[in-house]
Amino acid sequence: MNINILLLKQIAIISAMCGGALGVISIVPYINIFSFSILMLCLSAGVLVYMKQKDLIGIFDLREGSIFGAIIGFVSFIAFSIVFIPLDIILSFLTKGIHTLINFIPIHTSFLMYFFNNFGGIVVLIMLIIFVGLLSALMNAFTGLITAYFYEALSGIKKESNNENIDIEIK
């Protein structure tokens, strides 16, 4: 597989920034369902459309769209977890004292504290993050495939079959 390293870095940086931003947004209790759904289902379409509008990516076919989508899904979920879990734990410590005074603050983070009781819980949490990251990569690969299909169908431009000017080559 021949990958353009600059394009891979651009995809990783943009998707990590989107995942981190969604991690910060997911702290809000009633918005977290929508931001997590965007992260898991359709973030790759947004990143690919953004990169296409800014001319950061050239013509890509279905195979490349699915590969880019998988990379976007995995990297964004790992960045989401790196940002969301520490913020969530800090806020759960802060809101435990406030929650006794004000009853309308929802504490939705009590299950994360289970993982930090012992070392085995941390290992399970890391494995859970990687598994859900792979699940996000799978769903975003499909979304990237659909995005590439719509770009091919709407523009009418297909990538040539010669292997000299492509971003990714799978052998």
C-alpha atoms as a PDB file:
ATOM      1  CA  MET A   1       0.000   0.000   0.000  1.00  0.00           C
ATOM      2  CA  ASN A   2       1.448   3.347  -1.034  1.00  0.00           C
ATOM      3  CA  ILE A   3       0.036   6.176   1.064  1.00  0.00           C
ATOM      4  CA  ASN A   4       0.656   9.863   0.602  1.00  0.00           C
ATOM      5  CA  ILE A   5       2.022  10.738   4.060  1.00  0.00           C
ATOM      6  CA  LEU A   6       1.100  14.433   3.833  1.00  0.00           C
ATOM      7  CA  LEU A   7      -2.525  13.579   3.037  1.00  0.00           C
ATOM      8  CA  LEU A   8      -2.608  11.057   5.884  1.00  0.00           C
ATOM      9  CA  LYS A   9      -1.280  13.674   8.327  1.00  0.00           C
ATOM     10  CA  GLN A  10      -3.853  16.208   7.161  1.00  0.00           C
ATOM     11  CA  ILE A  11      -6.676  13.698   7.589  1.00  0.00           C
ATOM     12  CA  ALA A  12      -5.413  12.688  11.042  1.00  0.00           C
ATOM     13  CA  ILE A  13      -5.026  16.285  12.250  1.00  0.00           C
ATOM     14  CA  ILE A  14      -8.428  17.440  10.997  1.00  0.00           C
ATOM     15  CA  SER A  15     -10.223  14.376  12.358  1.00  0.00           C
ATOM     16  CA  ALA A  16      -8.413  14.643  15.719  1.00  0.00           C
ATOM     17  CA  MET A  17      -9.478  18.277  16.017  1.00  0.00           C
ATOM     18  CA  CYS A  18     -13.077  17.328  15.198  1.00  0.00           C
ATOM     19  CA  GLY A  19     -12.985  14.453  17.698  1.00  0.00           C
ATOM     20  CA  GLY A  20     -11.553  16.705  20.415  1.00  0.00           C
ATOM     21  CA  ALA A  21     -14.165  19.373  19.734  1.00  0.00           C
ATOM     22  CA  LEU A  22     -16.930  16.779  19.924  1.00  0.00           C
ATOM     23  CA  GLY A  23     -15.382  15.529  23.182  1.00  0.00           C
ATOM     24  CA  VAL A  24     -15.696  18.998  24.685  1.00  0.00           C
ATOM     25  CA  ILE A  25     -19.250  19.423  23.346  1.00  0.00           C
ATOM     26  CA  SER A  26     -20.255  16.017  24.733  1.00  0.00           C
ATOM     27  CA  ILE A  27     -19.790  17.244  28.290  1.00  0.00           C
ATOM     28  CA  VAL A  28     -23.156  19.029  27.998  1.00  0.00           C
ATOM     29  CA  PRO A  29     -25.634  16.395  29.208  1.00  0.00           C
ATOM     30  CA  TYR A  30     -28.413  16.692  26.661  1.00  0.00           C
ATOM     31  CA  ILE A  31     -26.234  17.385  23.626  1.00  0.00           C
ATOM     32  CA  ASN A  32     -23.918  14.413  24.165  1.00  0.00           C
ATOM     33  CA  ILE A  33     -26.225  11.952  22.395  1.00  0.00           C
ATOM     34  CA  PHE A  34     -26.236  14.028  19.218  1.00  0.00           C
ATOM     35  CA  SER A  35     -22.498  14.725  19.232  1.00  0.00           C
ATOM     36  CA  PHE A  36     -21.681  11.065  19.874  1.00  0.00           C
ATOM     37  CA  SER A  37     -23.982  10.039  17.019  1.00  0.00           C
ATOM     38  CA  ILE A  38     -22.255  12.483  14.693  1.00  0.00           C
ATOM     39  CA  LEU A  39     -18.893  11.101  15.809  1.00  0.00           C
ATOM     40  CA  MET A  40     -19.858   7.489  15.241  1.00  0.00           C
ATOM     41  CA  LEU A  41     -21.947   7.782  12.083  1.00  0.00           C
ATOM     42  CA  CYS A  42     -21.175  10.713   9.827  1.00  0.00           C
ATOM     43  CA  LEU A  43     -18.016  12.575  10.806  1.00  0.00           C
ATOM     44  CA  SER A  44     -16.074  11.225   7.834  1.00  0.00           C
ATOM     45  CA  ALA A  45     -18.537  12.770   5.400  1.00  0.00           C
ATOM     46  CA  GLY A  46     -18.068  16.181   6.982  1.00  0.00           C
ATOM     47  CA  VAL A  47     -14.279  15.914   7.004  1.00  0.00           C
ATOM     48  CA  LEU A  48     -14.126  14.683   3.400  1.00  0.00           C
ATOM     49  CA  VAL A  49     -16.473  17.453   2.205  1.00  0.00           C
ATOM     50  CA  TYR A  50     -14.390  20.040   4.093  1.00  0.00           C
ATOM     51  CA  MET A  51     -11.151  18.731   2.588  1.00  0.00           C
ATOM     52  CA  LYS A  52     -12.678  18.691  -0.885  1.00  0.00           C
ATOM     53  CA  GLN A  53     -13.921  22.280  -0.546  1.00  0.00           C
ATOM     54  CA  LYS A  54     -10.502  23.495   0.624  1.00  0.00           C
ATOM     55  CA  ASP A  55      -8.763  21.497  -2.163  1.00  0.00           C
ATOM     56  CA  LEU A  56      -6.765  19.472   0.353  1.00  0.00           C
ATOM     57  CA  ILE A  57      -7.773  16.249  -1.363  1.00  0.00           C
ATOM     58  CA  GLY A  58      -8.005  15.493  -5.050  1.00  0.00           C
ATOM     59  CA  ILE A  59     -10.246  13.085  -6.870  1.00  0.00           C
ATOM     60  CA  PHE A  60     -10.896   9.990  -4.787  1.00  0.00           C
ATOM     61  CA  ASP A  61     -12.706   6.818  -5.725  1.00  0.00           C
ATOM     62  CA  LEU A  62     -14.870   4.498  -3.646  1.00  0.00           C
ATOM     63  CA  ARG A  63     -11.984   2.483  -2.241  1.00  0.00           C
ATOM     64  CA  GLU A  64     -10.081   5.580  -1.127  1.00  0.00           C
ATOM     65  CA  GLY A  65     -13.249   7.102   0.320  1.00  0.00           C
ATOM     66  CA  SER A  66     -13.774   4.072   2.527  1.00  0.00           C
ATOM     67  CA  ILE A  67     -10.123   4.017   3.619  1.00  0.00           C
ATOM     68  CA  PHE A  68     -10.185   7.728   4.430  1.00  0.00           C
ATOM     69  CA  GLY A  69     -13.450   7.258   6.302  1.00  0.00           C
ATOM     70  CA  ALA A  70     -11.990   4.462   8.419  1.00  0.00           C
ATOM     71  CA  ILE A  71      -8.949   6.556   9.298  1.00  0.00           C
ATOM     72  CA  ILE A  72     -11.153   9.528  10.169  1.00  0.00           C
ATOM     73  CA  GLY A  73     -13.452   7.382  12.322  1.00  0.00           C
ATOM     74  CA  PHE A  74     -10.696   5.725  14.350  1.00  0.00           C
ATOM     75  CA  VAL A  75      -8.554   8.818  14.912  1.00  0.00           C
ATOM     76  CA  SER A  76     -11.526  11.004  15.804  1.00  0.00           C
ATOM     77  CA  PHE A  77     -12.840   8.506  18.358  1.00  0.00           C
ATOM     78  CA  ILE A  78      -9.442   8.154  20.028  1.00  0.00           C
ATOM     79  CA  ALA A  79      -9.161  11.968  20.222  1.00  0.00           C
ATOM     80  CA  PHE A  80     -12.736  12.111  21.532  1.00  0.00           C
ATOM     81  CA  SER A  81     -11.869   9.639  24.294  1.00  0.00           C
ATOM     82  CA  ILE A  82      -8.637  11.437  25.214  1.00  0.00           C
ATOM     83  CA  VAL A  83     -10.551  14.695  25.684  1.00  0.00           C
ATOM     84  CA  PHE A  84     -13.898  13.440  27.009  1.00  0.00           C
ATOM     85  CA  ILE A  85     -12.864  10.964  29.717  1.00  0.00           C
ATOM     86  CA  PRO A  86     -10.611  13.294  31.783  1.00  0.00           C
ATOM     87  CA  LEU A  87     -13.083  16.178  31.504  1.00  0.00           C
ATOM     88  CA  ASP A  88     -15.915  13.881  32.459  1.00  0.00           C
ATOM     89  CA  ILE A  89     -14.108  12.558  35.513  1.00  0.00           C
ATOM     90  CA  ILE A  90     -13.117  16.052  36.664  1.00  0.00           C
ATOM     91  CA  LEU A  91     -16.699  17.265  36.288  1.00  0.00           C
ATOM     92  CA  SER A  92     -18.031  14.239  38.136  1.00  0.00           C
ATOM     93  CA  PHE A  93     -15.784  15.090  41.080  1.00  0.00           C
ATOM     94  CA  LEU A  94     -16.898  18.713  40.991  1.00  0.00           C
ATOM     95  CA  THR A  95     -20.610  18.016  40.644  1.00  0.00           C
ATOM     96  CA  LYS A  96     -20.846  15.455  43.443  1.00  0.00           C
ATOM     97  CA  GLY A  97     -20.758  18.240  46.036  1.00  0.00           C
ATOM     98  CA  ILE A  98     -23.015  20.489  44.007  1.00  0.00           C
ATOM     99  CA  HIS A  99     -25.454  17.671  43.224  1.00  0.00           C
ATOM    100  CA  THR A 100     -26.479  17.413  46.850  1.00  0.00           C
ATOM    101  CA  LEU A 101     -27.470  21.095  46.766  1.00  0.00           C
ATOM    102  CA  ILE A 102     -28.967  21.288  43.274  1.00  0.00           C
ATOM    103  CA  ASN A 103     -30.899  18.236  42.138  1.00  0.00           C
ATOM    104  CA  PHE A 104     -31.326  19.098  38.444  1.00  0.00           C
ATOM    105  CA  ILE A 105     -27.649  18.583  37.478  1.00  0.00           C
ATOM    106  CA  PRO A 106     -27.519  15.134  35.877  1.00  0.00           C
ATOM    107  CA  ILE A 107     -24.530  12.998  36.797  1.00  0.00           C
ATOM    108  CA  HIS A 108     -24.020  10.711  33.841  1.00  0.00           C
ATOM    109  CA  THR A 109     -20.422   9.724  34.573  1.00  0.00           C
ATOM    110  CA  SER A 110     -20.698   7.352  37.484  1.00  0.00           C
ATOM    111  CA  PHE A 111     -19.924   4.298  35.333  1.00  0.00           C
ATOM    112  CA  LEU A 112     -16.529   5.736  34.304  1.00  0.00           C
ATOM    113  CA  MET A 113     -15.380   5.815  37.917  1.00  0.00           C
ATOM    114  CA  TYR A 114     -15.665   2.012  38.039  1.00  0.00           C
ATOM    115  CA  PHE A 115     -12.741   1.694  35.625  1.00  0.00           C
ATOM    116  CA  PHE A 116     -10.375   3.671  37.851  1.00  0.00           C
ATOM    117  CA  ASN A 117     -10.757   1.557  40.993  1.00  0.00           C
ATOM    118  CA  ASN A 118      -7.955  -0.818  40.031  1.00  0.00           C
ATOM    119  CA  PHE A 119      -5.438  -1.450  37.260  1.00  0.00           C
ATOM    120  CA  GLY A 120      -7.582  -4.102  35.584  1.00  0.00           C
ATOM    121  CA  GLY A 121     -10.331  -1.542  35.083  1.00  0.00           C
ATOM    122  CA  ILE A 122      -7.958   0.784  33.257  1.00  0.00           C
ATOM    123  CA  VAL A 123      -6.917  -2.045  30.924  1.00  0.00           C
ATOM    124  CA  VAL A 124     -10.572  -2.836  30.246  1.00  0.00           C
ATOM    125  CA  LEU A 125     -11.258   0.847  29.572  1.00  0.00           C
ATOM    126  CA  ILE A 126      -8.389   1.009  27.055  1.00  0.00           C
ATOM    127  CA  MET A 127      -9.620  -2.143  25.307  1.00  0.00           C
ATOM    128  CA  LEU A 128     -13.160  -0.736  25.241  1.00  0.00           C
ATOM    129  CA  ILE A 129     -11.904   2.521  23.698  1.00  0.00           C
ATOM    130  CA  ILE A 130     -10.001   0.627  20.998  1.00  0.00           C
ATOM    131  CA  PHE A 131     -12.971  -1.634  20.247  1.00  0.00           C
ATOM    132  CA  VAL A 132     -15.435   1.243  19.954  1.00  0.00           C
ATOM    133  CA  GLY A 133     -12.827   3.130  17.894  1.00  0.00           C
ATOM    134  CA  LEU A 134     -12.739   0.211  15.458  1.00  0.00           C
ATOM    135  CA  LEU A 135     -16.521   0.206  15.383  1.00  0.00           C
ATOM    136  CA  SER A 136     -16.466   3.927  14.619  1.00  0.00           C
ATOM    137  CA  ALA A 137     -13.911   3.264  11.870  1.00  0.00           C
ATOM    138  CA  LEU A 138     -16.220   0.695  10.314  1.00  0.00           C
ATOM    139  CA  MET A 139     -19.261   2.964  10.330  1.00  0.00           C
ATOM    140  CA  ASN A 140     -17.303   5.973   9.098  1.00  0.00           C
ATOM    141  CA  ALA A 141     -15.731   3.844   6.337  1.00  0.00           C
ATOM    142  CA  PHE A 142     -19.225   3.186   5.040  1.00  0.00           C
ATOM    143  CA  THR A 143     -20.059   6.894   5.287  1.00  0.00           C
ATOM    144  CA  GLY A 144     -16.840   7.742   3.437  1.00  0.00           C
ATOM    145  CA  LEU A 145     -17.795   5.213   0.750  1.00  0.00           C
ATOM    146  CA  ILE A 146     -21.193   6.872   0.336  1.00  0.00           C
ATOM    147  CA  THR A 147     -19.551  10.319   0.205  1.00  0.00           C
ATOM    148  CA  ALA A 148     -17.134   9.186  -2.505  1.00  0.00           C
ATOM    149  CA  TYR A 149     -20.021   7.638  -4.448  1.00  0.00           C
ATOM    150  CA  PHE A 150     -21.989  10.888  -4.347  1.00  0.00           C
ATOM    151  CA  TYR A 151     -18.935  12.880  -5.428  1.00  0.00           C
ATOM    152  CA  GLU A 152     -18.452  10.544  -8.387  1.00  0.00           C
ATOM    153  CA  ALA A 153     -22.143  10.592  -9.281  1.00  0.00           C
ATOM    154  CA  LEU A 154     -22.628  14.355  -8.975  1.00  0.00           C
ATOM    155  CA  SER A 155     -19.406  15.488 -10.599  1.00  0.00           C
ATOM    156  CA  GLY A 156     -19.237  12.791 -13.270  1.00  0.00           C
ATOM    157  CA  ILE A 157     -15.451  12.654 -12.867  1.00  0.00           C
ATOM    158  CA  LYS A 158     -13.940   9.254 -12.184  1.00  0.00           C
ATOM    159  CA  LYS A 159     -10.363   8.583 -11.290  1.00  0.00           C
ATOM    160  CA  GLU A 160      -8.300   7.080 -14.083  1.00  0.00           C
ATOM    161  CA  SER A 161      -7.248   3.496 -13.665  1.00  0.00           C
ATOM    162  CA  ASN A 162      -3.510   4.099 -14.146  1.00  0.00           C
ATOM    163  CA  ASN A 163      -1.535   3.793 -10.955  1.00  0.00           C
ATOM    164  CA  GLU A 164       0.866   6.703 -11.355  1.00  0.00           C
ATOM    165  CA  ASN A 165      -1.156   9.594  -9.878  1.00  0.00           C
ATOM    166  CA  ILE A 166      -3.178   8.227  -6.959  1.00  0.00           C
ATOM    167  CA  ASP A 167      -3.004   8.824  -3.250  1.00  0.00           C
ATOM    168  CA  ILE A 168      -3.351   5.184  -2.187  1.00  0.00           C
ATOM    169  CA  GLU A 169      -2.383   2.028  -4.013  1.00  0.00           C
ATOM    170  CA  ILE A 170      -3.429  -1.361  -2.654  1.00  0.00           C
ATOM    171  CA  LYS A 171      -1.563  -4.398  -3.964  1.00  0.00           C
END
